[in-house]
Amino acid sequence: MVLGRVLERLGDEAFAAETLMALEDLNLMVQVEAAGRPFGENMGEYAAGASRRFAQSASDDDWLALMTALERADDAGTACLKHMLEWSLRHDAEGPGEGCGGHCTCQGN
């Protein structure tokens, strides 16, 4: 599957939630749920938003790290989502003025 198609599918909240569940990473699921809660986002909404934020805001180094993760992965969709979620969680934790400005949804996107 080409990266563009993976990103397109991860933008779908239902698909993103299903893919997140397939990761079978309880710790990551708890972090995603907690990160989205202040913004009224469920896990699927946060996961879809994370993929959009990564696509819009990631640095060249972030993209290179994603490409490396995809090369090593058996399933591009789950590897892509996990990488983007971890990136988003790190940036959202930086708070206002950093990362996504403290807004999970990057309103208007």
C-alpha atoms as a PDB file:
ATOM      1  CA  MET A   1       0.000   0.000   0.000  1.00  0.00           C
ATOM      2  CA  VAL A   2       1.408   3.404  -0.920  1.00  0.00           C
ATOM      3  CA  LEU A   3       1.904   5.947   1.846  1.00  0.00           C
ATOM      4  CA  GLY A   4      -0.681   8.332   0.414  1.00  0.00           C
ATOM      5  CA  ARG A   5      -3.360   5.644   0.637  1.00  0.00           C
ATOM      6  CA  VAL A   6      -2.349   4.787   4.210  1.00  0.00           C
ATOM      7  CA  LEU A   7      -2.597   8.467   5.214  1.00  0.00           C
ATOM      8  CA  GLU A   8      -5.945   8.792   3.465  1.00  0.00           C
ATOM      9  CA  ARG A   9      -7.359   5.778   5.306  1.00  0.00           C
ATOM     10  CA  LEU A  10      -5.967   6.923   8.666  1.00  0.00           C
ATOM     11  CA  GLY A  11      -7.907  10.166   8.191  1.00  0.00           C
ATOM     12  CA  ASP A  12     -11.086   8.097   8.570  1.00  0.00           C
ATOM     13  CA  GLU A  13     -11.919   8.024  12.291  1.00  0.00           C
ATOM     14  CA  ALA A  14     -13.439   4.536  12.201  1.00  0.00           C
ATOM     15  CA  PHE A  15     -10.471   3.067  10.333  1.00  0.00           C
ATOM     16  CA  ALA A  16      -8.004   4.861  12.627  1.00  0.00           C
ATOM     17  CA  ALA A  17      -9.783   3.516  15.722  1.00  0.00           C
ATOM     18  CA  GLU A  18      -9.831  -0.008  14.285  1.00  0.00           C
ATOM     19  CA  THR A  19      -6.139   0.220  13.410  1.00  0.00           C
ATOM     20  CA  LEU A  20      -5.343   1.556  16.894  1.00  0.00           C
ATOM     21  CA  MET A  21      -7.106  -1.432  18.449  1.00  0.00           C
ATOM     22  CA  ALA A  22      -5.145  -3.769  16.153  1.00  0.00           C
ATOM     23  CA  LEU A  23      -1.888  -2.423  17.607  1.00  0.00           C
ATOM     24  CA  GLU A  24      -2.763  -4.254  20.849  1.00  0.00           C
ATOM     25  CA  ASP A  25      -0.778  -1.624  22.760  1.00  0.00           C
ATOM     26  CA  LEU A  26      -2.821  -0.884  25.864  1.00  0.00           C
ATOM     27  CA  ASN A  27      -0.408   1.788  27.099  1.00  0.00           C
ATOM     28  CA  LEU A  28      -0.635   3.680  23.809  1.00  0.00           C
ATOM     29  CA  MET A  29      -4.434   3.393  23.803  1.00  0.00           C
ATOM     30  CA  VAL A  30      -4.606   4.850  27.317  1.00  0.00           C
ATOM     31  CA  GLN A  31      -2.318   7.729  26.309  1.00  0.00           C
ATOM     32  CA  VAL A  32      -4.388   8.456  23.206  1.00  0.00           C
ATOM     33  CA  GLU A  33      -7.644   8.388  25.160  1.00  0.00           C
ATOM     34  CA  ALA A  34      -6.198  10.733  27.803  1.00  0.00           C
ATOM     35  CA  ALA A  35      -4.747  13.129  25.207  1.00  0.00           C
ATOM     36  CA  GLY A  36      -8.027  13.442  23.330  1.00  0.00           C
ATOM     37  CA  ARG A  37     -10.302  13.733  26.367  1.00  0.00           C
ATOM     38  CA  PRO A  38      -9.714  17.480  27.082  1.00  0.00           C
ATOM     39  CA  PHE A  39     -10.727  18.251  23.499  1.00  0.00           C
ATOM     40  CA  GLY A  40     -13.788  15.994  23.451  1.00  0.00           C
ATOM     41  CA  GLU A  41     -12.091  13.580  21.032  1.00  0.00           C
ATOM     42  CA  ASN A  42     -12.499   9.829  21.178  1.00  0.00           C
ATOM     43  CA  MET A  43      -9.554   7.576  20.290  1.00  0.00           C
ATOM     44  CA  GLY A  44     -10.484   7.397  16.614  1.00  0.00           C
ATOM     45  CA  GLU A  45     -10.811  11.157  16.317  1.00  0.00           C
ATOM     46  CA  TYR A  46      -7.468  11.714  18.028  1.00  0.00           C
ATOM     47  CA  ALA A  47      -5.781   9.070  15.871  1.00  0.00           C
ATOM     48  CA  ALA A  48      -7.180  10.553  12.648  1.00  0.00           C
ATOM     49  CA  GLY A  49      -6.118  14.021  13.793  1.00  0.00           C
ATOM     50  CA  ALA A  50      -2.648  12.752  14.660  1.00  0.00           C
ATOM     51  CA  SER A  51      -2.154  11.515  11.107  1.00  0.00           C
ATOM     52  CA  ARG A  52      -3.312  14.853   9.696  1.00  0.00           C
ATOM     53  CA  ARG A  53      -1.068  16.830  12.073  1.00  0.00           C
ATOM     54  CA  PHE A  54       1.920  14.678  11.211  1.00  0.00           C
ATOM     55  CA  ALA A  55       1.289  15.107   7.482  1.00  0.00           C
ATOM     56  CA  GLN A  56       1.062  18.883   7.898  1.00  0.00           C
ATOM     57  CA  SER A  57       3.706  19.599  10.525  1.00  0.00           C
ATOM     58  CA  ALA A  58       6.337  16.860  10.662  1.00  0.00           C
ATOM     59  CA  SER A  59       9.930  17.802   9.931  1.00  0.00           C
ATOM     60  CA  ASP A  60      12.090  16.115   7.322  1.00  0.00           C
ATOM     61  CA  ASP A  61      13.715  14.104  10.110  1.00  0.00           C
ATOM     62  CA  ASP A  62      10.289  12.970  11.334  1.00  0.00           C
ATOM     63  CA  TRP A  63       9.411  11.795   7.815  1.00  0.00           C
ATOM     64  CA  LEU A  64      12.722   9.975   7.507  1.00  0.00           C
ATOM     65  CA  ALA A  65      12.059   8.206  10.810  1.00  0.00           C
ATOM     66  CA  LEU A  66       8.607   7.221   9.519  1.00  0.00           C
ATOM     67  CA  MET A  67      10.072   5.837   6.302  1.00  0.00           C
ATOM     68  CA  THR A  68      12.567   3.795   8.332  1.00  0.00           C
ATOM     69  CA  ALA A  69       9.764   2.422  10.522  1.00  0.00           C
ATOM     70  CA  LEU A  70       7.738   1.499   7.440  1.00  0.00           C
ATOM     71  CA  GLU A  71      10.665  -0.334   5.853  1.00  0.00           C
ATOM     72  CA  ARG A  72      10.963  -2.536   8.945  1.00  0.00           C
ATOM     73  CA  ALA A  73       7.241  -3.158   9.385  1.00  0.00           C
ATOM     74  CA  ASP A  74       5.136  -6.069   8.250  1.00  0.00           C
ATOM     75  CA  ASP A  75       2.002  -3.880   8.197  1.00  0.00           C
ATOM     76  CA  ALA A  76       2.483  -0.346   6.894  1.00  0.00           C
ATOM     77  CA  GLY A  77      -0.848   0.918   8.243  1.00  0.00           C
ATOM     78  CA  THR A  78      -0.253  -0.041  11.854  1.00  0.00           C
ATOM     79  CA  ALA A  79       3.403   1.049  11.768  1.00  0.00           C
ATOM     80  CA  CYS A  80       2.430   4.394  10.275  1.00  0.00           C
ATOM     81  CA  LEU A  81      -0.319   5.009  12.815  1.00  0.00           C
ATOM     82  CA  LYS A  82       1.853   4.033  15.764  1.00  0.00           C
ATOM     83  CA  HIS A  83       4.666   6.327  14.627  1.00  0.00           C
ATOM     84  CA  MET A  84       2.279   9.232  14.042  1.00  0.00           C
ATOM     85  CA  LEU A  85       0.518   8.730  17.368  1.00  0.00           C
ATOM     86  CA  GLU A  86       3.792   8.677  19.267  1.00  0.00           C
ATOM     87  CA  TRP A  87       4.895  11.834  17.425  1.00  0.00           C
ATOM     88  CA  SER A  88       1.590  13.556  18.137  1.00  0.00           C
ATOM     89  CA  LEU A  89       1.583  12.588  21.801  1.00  0.00           C
ATOM     90  CA  ARG A  90       5.108  13.999  22.216  1.00  0.00           C
ATOM     91  CA  HIS A  91       4.164  17.249  20.503  1.00  0.00           C
ATOM     92  CA  ASP A  92       0.847  17.627  22.321  1.00  0.00           C
ATOM     93  CA  ALA A  93       2.644  17.107  25.642  1.00  0.00           C
ATOM     94  CA  GLU A  94       4.857  20.111  24.882  1.00  0.00           C
ATOM     95  CA  GLY A  95       1.809  22.298  25.432  1.00  0.00           C
ATOM     96  CA  PRO A  96       0.707  25.651  24.016  1.00  0.00           C
ATOM     97  CA  GLY A  97       3.217  27.357  21.787  1.00  0.00           C
ATOM     98  CA  GLU A  98       4.823  24.045  20.859  1.00  0.00           C
ATOM     99  CA  GLY A  99       3.817  21.076  18.797  1.00  0.00           C
ATOM    100  CA  CYS A 100       0.197  21.534  17.866  1.00  0.00           C
ATOM    101  CA  GLY A 101      -0.338  24.576  20.055  1.00  0.00           C
ATOM    102  CA  GLY A 102      -2.112  22.498  22.670  1.00  0.00           C
ATOM    103  CA  HIS A 103      -5.023  21.814  20.302  1.00  0.00           C
ATOM    104  CA  CYS A 104      -5.354  18.148  19.390  1.00  0.00           C
ATOM    105  CA  THR A 105      -7.559  18.802  16.419  1.00  0.00           C
ATOM    106  CA  CYS A 106      -5.516  21.664  14.918  1.00  0.00           C
ATOM    107  CA  GLN A 107      -8.836  23.372  14.407  1.00  0.00           C
ATOM    108  CA  GLY A 108      -9.631  24.339  10.896  1.00  0.00           C
ATOM    109  CA  ASN A 109      -7.749  21.382   9.379  1.00  0.00           C
END
